[in-house]
């Protein structure tokens, strides 16, 4: 069934996207997407932008959100074998259930999800994945807001958001991920805010002797100043400690730090479009020892968020030093991403997008390591709570982390049960697994 899909992998290429669907957040290590001003209600009561993860009428937030799907499809290179593995037909069951609690001083969201894969012939790859996540926000005082996020994910490498962000995915193996984030946002004055966040990742590989358990702890401080309704500037600093017991070098270093500093500028063109630019540098004292090959690197990028009626588009470019979980060491990576949802003819919608990750420094042989993950989906609502979609996904991984280059195609049909007010079809990326916990 499906394979190698970061995040919450789906079934033959297809399902992977369906679960829930929320407008992509590009969380990766740090890929801030500018927020658009909250629009005034223009849709009929009970309707939301396609891809929205909750449904409600104006002034009354939904208390439950859900998505359940079943699909059939075809996949090449099942199991993400080295080189080219066998293809097969398969089916997938997928579901997500969220409880949203809204109070005058904050909100909390509890989410549980599961995936089941069943192949016709390659039965050794049949499996079931599961996850649980909590996200909360509470106003602690008139000027202070607290945020908290926790996540647990039991699954496989093809579904791992952490591995997908780094552009290195090994042959199919079991993974267990834990994530957590906490922070405070303080309104220092009418136009100035200060934020402090802490984010933690841990990824284990119970069955893979060649992959190492890895963890990351990242602390960040940010100061933002709103100049006017259109422009906001800010500065940010982050320090990240990564623990990886054995690195692919002769150095005994198993834990190391990277420091990031940058300036940001956010410009709101209109209530429907905003862009953000960020530029700075990162410093890794042990850069030479951990495979990065340098101590100083450029850090930053650009992103844009666009909404036109019910259509949404998010695009970004990012260059950043990131830890390579499982394999060990660091890489300086370029990331490009696109996610879009375009509804038409009232009940139809198209989703197109993908991610490209490239080793900005190149490999020792001169050829850069890279990965490409693209998807496309077209679907229609067939009743108040059912939607049918045809979806496809393509992965390509270059030679990296000791694994041979390979690619993977997936196509299929999916029937989903969704809330009555949800859009005709959501972003194929679906709801992110807990290991995609937010945090700068």
Protein backbone atom coordinates (compact mmCIF):
# COMPACT_ATOMS: atom_id res chain seq x y z
CA UNK A 1 0.00 0.00 0.00
CA UNK A 2 1.58 2.89 0.21
CA UNK A 3 4.61 3.66 0.95
CA UNK A 4 6.84 6.29 1.26
CA UNK A 5 4.88 9.20 2.16
CA UNK A 6 6.05 11.61 4.68
CA UNK A 7 3.78 12.62 7.32
CA UNK A 8 0.90 10.45 7.34
CA UNK A 9 1.36 8.16 4.54
CA UNK A 10 -1.57 6.88 2.70
CA UNK A 11 -2.32 4.10 0.65
CA UNK A 12 -1.34 3.63 -2.73
CA UNK A 13 -0.51 7.00 -3.28
CA UNK A 14 -3.71 8.12 -2.65
CA UNK A 15 -5.00 8.11 0.69
CA UNK A 16 -2.18 9.62 2.10
CA UNK A 17 -3.59 12.83 1.54
CA UNK A 18 -6.96 12.59 2.68
CA UNK A 19 -7.20 12.50 6.25
CA UNK A 20 -8.47 15.64 7.35
CA UNK A 21 -6.75 18.15 5.48
CA UNK A 22 -5.71 21.39 6.75
CA UNK A 23 -4.11 24.18 4.90
CA UNK A 24 -0.42 23.22 5.07
CA UNK A 25 1.68 24.79 7.75
CA UNK A 26 5.15 23.85 6.50
CA UNK A 27 6.43 23.19 9.95
CA UNK A 28 9.71 21.53 9.11
CA UNK A 29 12.58 22.73 11.22
CA UNK A 30 11.58 26.38 10.83
CA UNK A 31 9.46 27.42 7.90
CA UNK A 32 7.23 30.24 9.13
CA UNK A 33 4.28 30.95 6.89
CA UNK A 34 2.71 34.42 7.26
CA UNK A 35 -0.74 34.44 8.79
CA UNK A 36 -3.50 36.25 6.95
CA UNK A 37 -5.77 38.66 8.79
CA UNK A 38 -8.89 36.84 9.94
CA UNK A 39 -11.49 37.45 7.22
CA UNK A 40 -14.97 38.64 7.98
CA UNK A 41 -17.53 35.88 7.42
CA UNK A 42 -18.48 35.89 3.76
CA UNK A 43 -19.50 32.26 3.35
CA UNK A 44 -22.99 30.95 4.10
CA UNK A 45 -23.41 29.68 7.64
CA UNK A 46 -21.76 26.35 8.23
CA UNK A 47 -19.33 26.53 5.26
CA UNK A 48 -15.57 26.68 5.45
CA UNK A 49 -12.67 26.92 3.10
CA UNK A 50 -11.97 23.50 1.53
CA UNK A 51 -9.28 21.85 3.57
CA UNK A 52 -10.30 23.48 6.83
CA UNK A 53 -10.05 21.03 9.67
CA UNK A 54 -13.16 22.06 11.58
CA UNK A 55 -16.69 23.03 10.70
CA UNK A 56 -18.88 25.56 12.42
CA UNK A 57 -21.36 28.33 12.04
CA UNK A 58 -20.22 31.92 12.65
CA UNK A 59 -19.69 32.50 16.35
CA UNK A 60 -20.02 28.85 17.30
CA UNK A 61 -16.88 26.71 16.93
CA UNK A 62 -17.31 23.04 16.15
CA UNK A 63 -16.65 20.63 19.03
CA UNK A 64 -15.86 17.57 16.89
CA UNK A 65 -13.94 17.04 13.69
CA UNK A 66 -13.51 13.76 11.87
CA UNK A 67 -12.49 12.12 8.63
CA UNK A 68 -12.75 8.44 7.72
CA UNK A 69 -11.67 7.06 4.36
CA UNK A 70 -11.27 3.84 2.42
CA UNK A 71 -9.51 3.44 -0.89
CA UNK A 72 -8.08 1.11 -3.51
CA UNK A 73 -5.03 1.78 -5.60
CA UNK A 74 -1.78 0.70 -7.18
CA UNK A 75 1.78 1.33 -6.01
CA UNK A 76 5.19 0.77 -7.52
CA UNK A 77 8.26 -0.24 -5.52
CA UNK A 78 6.30 -1.44 -2.50
CA UNK A 79 8.41 -1.27 0.66
CA UNK A 80 10.75 1.32 -0.85
CA UNK A 81 13.31 -1.33 -1.61
CA UNK A 82 16.81 -0.46 -2.71
CA UNK A 83 16.65 -0.03 -6.45
CA UNK A 84 13.29 -1.01 -7.92
CA UNK A 85 11.04 -3.30 -5.90
CA UNK A 86 7.79 -5.07 -6.86
CA UNK A 87 4.54 -3.25 -7.56
CA UNK A 88 1.16 -4.28 -6.15
CA UNK A 89 -2.50 -3.38 -5.68
CA UNK A 90 -3.80 -2.63 -2.22
CA UNK A 91 -6.36 -1.04 0.01
CA UNK A 92 -6.27 1.38 2.87
CA UNK A 93 -8.45 2.32 5.81
CA UNK A 94 -7.77 5.64 7.42
CA UNK A 95 -9.40 7.73 10.09
CA UNK A 96 -9.05 10.72 12.35
CA UNK A 97 -11.21 11.96 15.22
CA UNK A 98 -10.70 15.25 17.04
CA UNK A 99 -12.36 16.78 20.07
CA UNK A 100 -12.15 20.57 20.20
CA UNK A 101 -12.79 22.30 23.51
CA UNK A 102 -13.31 26.05 23.36
CA UNK A 103 -13.38 28.25 26.45
CA UNK A 104 -13.38 32.02 26.88
CA UNK A 105 -9.68 31.99 27.74
CA UNK A 106 -8.42 29.35 25.33
CA UNK A 107 -8.88 26.26 23.17
CA UNK A 108 -7.70 22.66 23.26
CA UNK A 109 -7.72 19.99 20.56
CA UNK A 110 -7.31 16.25 21.15
CA UNK A 111 -6.78 14.12 18.05
CA UNK A 112 -6.43 10.37 17.51
CA UNK A 113 -5.79 8.81 14.13
CA UNK A 114 -5.02 5.50 12.51
CA UNK A 115 -3.95 3.97 9.18
CA UNK A 116 -4.24 0.41 7.97
CA UNK A 117 -2.54 -1.01 4.86
CA UNK A 118 -3.42 -4.23 3.10
CA UNK A 119 -1.67 -5.47 -0.07
CA UNK A 120 -2.86 -8.11 -2.48
CA UNK A 121 0.45 -9.96 -2.92
CA UNK A 122 3.14 -8.13 -0.93
CA UNK A 123 1.49 -9.11 2.34
CA UNK A 124 4.74 -8.77 4.31
CA UNK A 125 4.16 -5.00 4.13
CA UNK A 126 0.65 -5.10 5.62
CA UNK A 127 0.60 -2.88 8.70
CA UNK A 128 -1.29 -0.55 11.00
CA UNK A 129 -0.14 2.86 12.24
CA UNK A 130 -1.56 5.11 14.93
CA UNK A 131 -1.05 8.53 16.48
CA UNK A 132 -2.29 10.86 19.18
CA UNK A 133 -1.84 14.61 19.49
CA UNK A 134 -2.81 17.45 21.80
CA UNK A 135 -2.65 21.15 20.97
CA UNK A 136 -3.69 23.83 23.41
CA UNK A 137 -3.69 27.60 23.68
CA UNK A 138 -4.65 29.58 26.79
CA UNK A 139 -4.67 33.27 27.59
CA UNK A 140 -2.86 33.43 30.92
CA UNK A 141 -3.36 37.16 31.39
CA UNK A 142 -4.38 40.18 29.40
CA UNK A 143 -0.96 40.29 27.75
CA UNK A 144 0.31 36.71 27.97
CA UNK A 145 -0.74 33.61 26.02
CA UNK A 146 0.57 30.09 26.58
CA UNK A 147 0.74 27.29 24.01
CA UNK A 148 1.34 23.57 24.48
CA UNK A 149 1.59 20.66 22.05
CA UNK A 150 2.23 16.95 22.59
CA UNK A 151 2.33 14.10 20.12
CA UNK A 152 2.97 10.37 19.91
CA UNK A 153 3.24 8.49 16.64
CA UNK A 154 3.67 4.76 16.07
CA UNK A 155 4.19 3.97 12.41
CA UNK A 156 6.76 3.47 9.67
CA UNK A 157 9.46 5.43 7.91
CA UNK A 158 7.29 6.13 4.86
CA UNK A 159 4.91 8.09 7.12
CA UNK A 160 7.52 10.00 9.12
CA UNK A 161 7.28 13.76 8.87
CA UNK A 162 10.64 14.18 10.56
CA UNK A 163 12.42 12.02 7.97
CA UNK A 164 10.49 13.61 5.12
CA UNK A 165 11.64 17.08 6.16
CA UNK A 166 15.24 15.93 5.83
CA UNK A 167 14.78 14.36 2.41
CA UNK A 168 16.24 11.00 3.47
CA UNK A 169 13.90 8.01 3.73
CA UNK A 170 15.23 4.47 4.19
CA UNK A 171 13.51 1.25 3.09
CA UNK A 172 10.32 0.64 5.02
CA UNK A 173 10.96 0.19 8.75
CA UNK A 174 9.04 0.77 11.96
CA UNK A 175 9.38 4.16 13.71
CA UNK A 176 8.22 5.59 17.02
CA UNK A 177 8.15 9.37 17.42
CA UNK A 178 7.54 11.65 20.40
CA UNK A 179 7.12 15.41 20.08
CA UNK A 180 6.44 18.27 22.39
CA UNK A 181 6.28 22.04 22.24
CA UNK A 182 5.56 24.78 24.74
CA UNK A 183 5.74 28.53 24.63
CA UNK A 184 4.69 31.95 25.83
CA UNK A 185 3.68 34.97 23.77
CA UNK A 186 3.77 38.29 25.64
CA UNK A 187 2.32 41.53 24.32
CA UNK A 188 4.99 43.92 25.53
CA UNK A 189 3.16 46.96 24.15
CA UNK A 190 0.41 47.68 21.68
CA UNK A 191 2.72 47.05 18.72
CA UNK A 192 5.46 44.81 20.17
CA UNK A 193 5.32 41.14 21.17
CA UNK A 194 7.87 38.75 22.64
CA UNK A 195 7.75 34.98 22.18
CA UNK A 196 9.67 32.14 23.83
CA UNK A 197 9.22 28.53 22.69
CA UNK A 198 10.69 25.12 23.37
CA UNK A 199 10.32 22.21 20.93
CA UNK A 200 11.47 18.60 21.33
CA UNK A 201 11.65 15.66 18.90
CA UNK A 202 12.63 12.04 19.48
CA UNK A 203 12.61 9.37 16.78
CA UNK A 204 13.31 5.66 17.43
CA UNK A 205 13.83 2.77 14.97
CA UNK A 206 12.98 -0.42 16.92
CA UNK A 207 13.72 -2.84 14.06
CA UNK A 208 16.56 -1.18 12.15
CA UNK A 209 20.07 -1.88 13.41
CA UNK A 210 21.62 0.51 10.90
CA UNK A 211 19.48 3.48 11.97
CA UNK A 212 20.13 5.35 15.20
CA UNK A 213 17.61 6.79 17.63
CA UNK A 214 17.88 10.57 17.52
CA UNK A 215 16.52 13.51 19.47
CA UNK A 216 16.42 17.28 19.15
CA UNK A 217 15.71 20.05 21.65
CA UNK A 218 15.27 23.56 20.28
CA UNK A 219 14.75 26.79 22.26
CA UNK A 220 13.75 30.01 20.51
CA UNK A 221 13.24 33.68 21.31
CA UNK A 222 11.56 36.18 19.03
CA UNK A 223 10.74 39.88 19.18
CA UNK A 224 8.24 41.33 16.70
CA UNK A 225 7.35 44.97 16.10
CA UNK A 226 4.31 45.96 14.08
CA UNK A 227 5.12 49.11 12.11
CA UNK A 228 1.65 49.54 10.61
CA UNK A 229 -1.24 47.43 9.36
CA UNK A 230 0.84 46.09 6.48
CA UNK A 231 4.35 45.66 7.87
CA UNK A 232 5.86 43.77 10.79
CA UNK A 233 9.57 43.32 11.48
CA UNK A 234 11.27 41.04 13.95
CA UNK A 235 14.43 39.35 15.13
CA UNK A 236 14.82 35.78 16.27
CA UNK A 237 17.37 33.50 17.92
CA UNK A 238 17.27 29.72 18.33
CA UNK A 239 19.62 27.15 19.82
CA UNK A 240 19.24 23.47 18.99
CA UNK A 241 20.90 20.50 20.67
CA UNK A 242 20.87 17.23 18.73
CA UNK A 243 21.74 13.87 20.25
CA UNK A 244 22.74 11.09 17.86
CA UNK A 245 24.87 8.34 19.41
CA UNK A 246 26.93 7.35 16.39
CA UNK A 247 27.83 9.72 13.58
CA UNK A 248 29.16 8.72 10.14
CA UNK A 249 32.56 10.17 10.98
CA UNK A 250 35.52 9.20 13.11
CA UNK A 251 34.65 11.91 15.61
CA UNK A 252 33.29 10.76 18.98
CA UNK A 253 30.86 13.69 19.00
CA UNK A 254 27.34 12.38 19.65
CA UNK A 255 25.63 15.55 20.86
CA UNK A 256 26.11 18.99 19.34
CA UNK A 257 24.63 22.48 19.09
CA UNK A 258 23.58 24.77 16.27
CA UNK A 259 22.72 28.44 16.84
CA UNK A 260 20.41 30.37 14.50
CA UNK A 261 19.87 34.14 14.28
CA UNK A 262 17.83 36.08 11.77
CA UNK A 263 15.79 39.17 10.94
CA UNK A 264 12.26 38.88 9.54
CA UNK A 265 9.90 41.12 7.60
CA UNK A 266 6.23 40.30 7.04
CA UNK A 267 4.13 42.30 4.59
CA UNK A 268 0.36 41.98 4.29
CA UNK A 269 -0.73 43.02 0.81
CA UNK A 270 -4.41 42.51 1.60
CA UNK A 271 -6.61 40.36 3.86
CA UNK A 272 -6.04 37.60 1.30
CA UNK A 273 -2.30 37.75 0.66
CA UNK A 274 0.84 38.05 2.77
CA UNK A 275 4.53 37.33 2.36
CA UNK A 276 7.43 36.84 4.74
CA UNK A 277 11.17 37.22 4.20
CA UNK A 278 13.84 36.04 6.63
CA UNK A 279 17.62 36.19 6.47
CA UNK A 280 20.38 35.42 8.93
CA UNK A 281 23.07 32.88 9.76
CA UNK A 282 23.59 29.68 11.70
CA UNK A 283 26.67 28.66 13.66
CA UNK A 284 27.63 25.04 14.41
CA UNK A 285 30.78 24.78 16.55
CA UNK A 286 31.28 21.08 15.66
CA UNK A 287 30.28 21.53 12.01
CA UNK A 288 33.38 19.87 10.65
CA UNK A 289 33.14 16.89 12.98
CA UNK A 290 29.46 16.12 12.31
CA UNK A 291 29.64 16.05 8.53
CA UNK A 292 28.45 19.59 7.76
CA UNK A 293 31.87 20.69 6.57
CA UNK A 294 31.50 24.25 7.87
CA UNK A 295 30.70 26.22 11.00
CA UNK A 296 28.79 29.18 9.48
CA UNK A 297 25.90 28.89 7.02
CA UNK A 298 23.15 31.08 5.59
CA UNK A 299 19.78 30.70 7.33
CA UNK A 300 16.46 32.02 6.01
CA UNK A 301 14.04 32.05 3.12
CA UNK A 302 10.77 33.42 1.80
CA UNK A 303 7.14 32.34 1.91
CA UNK A 304 3.79 33.53 0.62
CA UNK A 305 0.23 32.80 1.71
CA UNK A 306 -2.60 33.54 -0.72
CA UNK A 307 -6.34 33.07 -0.43
CA UNK A 308 -8.79 33.86 -3.24
CA UNK A 309 -12.40 33.20 -2.34
CA UNK A 310 -12.28 29.53 -1.33
CA UNK A 311 -8.95 28.77 -2.99
CA UNK A 312 -5.73 28.66 -0.97
CA UNK A 313 -2.06 28.65 -1.95
CA UNK A 314 1.05 28.40 0.19
CA UNK A 315 4.58 28.42 -1.19
CA UNK A 316 7.98 28.70 0.45
CA UNK A 317 11.73 28.47 -0.01
CA UNK A 318 14.04 27.72 2.89
CA UNK A 319 17.77 27.15 3.46
CA UNK A 320 18.74 25.75 6.84
CA UNK A 321 21.13 23.45 8.68
CA UNK A 322 19.15 20.40 9.83
CA UNK A 323 19.99 17.19 11.73
CA UNK A 324 19.64 13.96 9.77
CA UNK A 325 17.80 11.62 12.14
CA UNK A 326 18.60 7.93 11.86
CA UNK A 327 21.67 8.40 9.70
CA UNK A 328 23.49 10.95 11.85
CA UNK A 329 25.26 14.20 11.16
CA UNK A 330 24.00 17.50 9.75
CA UNK A 331 23.15 18.77 6.28
CA UNK A 332 22.67 22.22 4.82
CA UNK A 333 19.43 21.86 2.90
CA UNK A 334 17.40 23.89 0.44
CA UNK A 335 13.66 23.30 0.71
CA UNK A 336 10.94 24.36 -1.69
CA UNK A 337 7.28 23.64 -1.10
CA UNK A 338 3.88 24.29 -2.62
CA UNK A 339 0.38 23.41 -1.42
CA UNK A 340 -2.82 24.54 -3.08
CA UNK A 341 -6.53 23.78 -3.02
CA UNK A 342 -8.70 25.13 -5.84
CA UNK A 343 -12.46 24.46 -5.73
CA UNK A 344 -14.67 24.93 -8.78
CA UNK A 345 -18.20 24.21 -9.96
CA UNK A 346 -19.49 24.17 -6.36
CA UNK A 347 -18.76 20.51 -5.56
CA UNK A 348 -15.39 19.95 -7.28
CA UNK A 349 -11.88 20.77 -6.10
CA UNK A 350 -8.31 20.21 -7.24
CA UNK A 351 -5.28 19.93 -4.95
CA UNK A 352 -1.72 20.20 -6.27
CA UNK A 353 1.55 20.49 -4.41
CA UNK A 354 4.78 18.97 -3.30
CA UNK A 355 8.12 19.37 -1.57
CA UNK A 356 11.66 19.38 -2.88
CA UNK A 357 14.66 18.97 -0.54
CA UNK A 358 18.21 19.36 -1.81
CA UNK A 359 21.60 19.17 -0.17
CA UNK A 360 22.85 22.72 -0.69
CA UNK A 361 26.48 21.73 -0.12
CA UNK A 362 26.47 18.76 -2.51
CA UNK A 363 27.96 15.36 -1.77
CA UNK A 364 31.60 14.37 -1.84
CA UNK A 365 31.13 13.06 -5.38
CA UNK A 366 29.76 16.37 -6.58
CA UNK A 367 26.16 15.28 -7.17
CA UNK A 368 23.71 16.81 -4.68
CA UNK A 369 21.45 14.56 -2.64
CA UNK A 370 17.83 15.45 -3.21
CA UNK A 371 14.27 14.23 -2.88
CA UNK A 372 11.04 15.13 -4.63
CA UNK A 373 7.53 14.46 -3.31
CA UNK A 374 4.64 15.65 -5.50
CA UNK A 375 0.92 15.00 -5.43
CA UNK A 376 -2.26 15.79 -7.34
CA UNK A 377 -5.89 15.19 -6.51
CA UNK A 378 -9.29 15.91 -8.03
CA UNK A 379 -12.45 15.12 -6.14
CA UNK A 380 -16.11 15.92 -5.73
CA UNK A 381 -18.68 15.76 -2.98
CA UNK A 382 -21.19 13.04 -3.85
CA UNK A 383 -23.47 13.65 -0.84
CA UNK A 384 -23.61 15.86 2.24
CA UNK A 385 -20.91 13.80 3.97
CA UNK A 386 -19.24 11.73 1.25
CA UNK A 387 -16.61 12.76 -1.24
CA UNK A 388 -14.84 10.76 -3.93
CA UNK A 389 -11.38 11.64 -5.17
CA UNK A 390 -8.82 10.38 -7.65
CA UNK A 391 -5.29 10.96 -6.41
CA UNK A 392 -1.71 10.34 -7.34
CA UNK A 393 1.69 10.80 -5.78
CA UNK A 394 5.26 10.50 -7.00
CA UNK A 395 8.42 10.22 -4.89
CA UNK A 396 12.01 10.34 -6.02
CA UNK A 397 14.96 9.90 -3.69
CA UNK A 398 18.54 10.28 -4.83
CA UNK A 399 21.43 8.30 -3.42
CA UNK A 400 21.63 9.41 0.21
CA UNK A 401 22.46 8.16 3.67
CA UNK A 402 23.93 4.98 2.22
CA UNK A 403 20.69 4.08 0.39
CA UNK A 404 20.39 3.55 -3.34
CA UNK A 405 18.33 6.01 -5.39
CA UNK A 406 14.74 4.94 -5.95
CA UNK A 407 11.34 6.25 -6.93
CA UNK A 408 7.73 5.39 -6.14
CA UNK A 409 4.42 5.96 -7.94
CA UNK A 410 0.98 5.68 -6.33
CA UNK A 411 -2.48 6.17 -7.78
CA UNK A 412 -5.94 5.32 -6.54
CA UNK A 413 -9.53 6.19 -5.69
CA UNK A 414 -10.66 7.19 -2.21
CA UNK A 415 -14.11 7.53 -0.66
CA UNK A 416 -14.18 9.73 2.43
CA UNK A 417 -16.69 10.44 5.16
CA UNK A 418 -16.33 14.05 6.30
CA UNK A 419 -18.37 16.66 8.21
CA UNK A 420 -21.30 18.08 6.21
CA UNK A 421 -19.80 21.55 6.01
CA UNK A 422 -16.33 20.49 4.87
CA UNK A 423 -15.19 21.44 1.39
CA UNK A 424 -15.51 19.13 -1.64
CA UNK A 425 -12.00 17.81 -1.23
CA UNK A 426 -9.11 18.69 1.00
CA UNK A 427 -5.41 19.00 0.51
CA UNK A 428 -4.02 15.54 -0.31
CA UNK A 429 -1.42 16.05 2.38
CA UNK A 430 -4.05 15.37 4.98
CA UNK A 431 -3.67 16.03 8.67
CA UNK A 432 -0.11 16.01 9.83
CA UNK A 433 1.02 13.31 12.19
CA UNK A 434 1.87 14.45 15.71
CA UNK A 435 5.55 14.33 14.98
CA UNK A 436 5.04 17.45 12.93
CA UNK A 437 4.53 19.40 16.12
CA UNK A 438 4.85 23.10 15.58
CA UNK A 439 7.58 25.27 16.95
CA UNK A 440 10.27 27.53 15.71
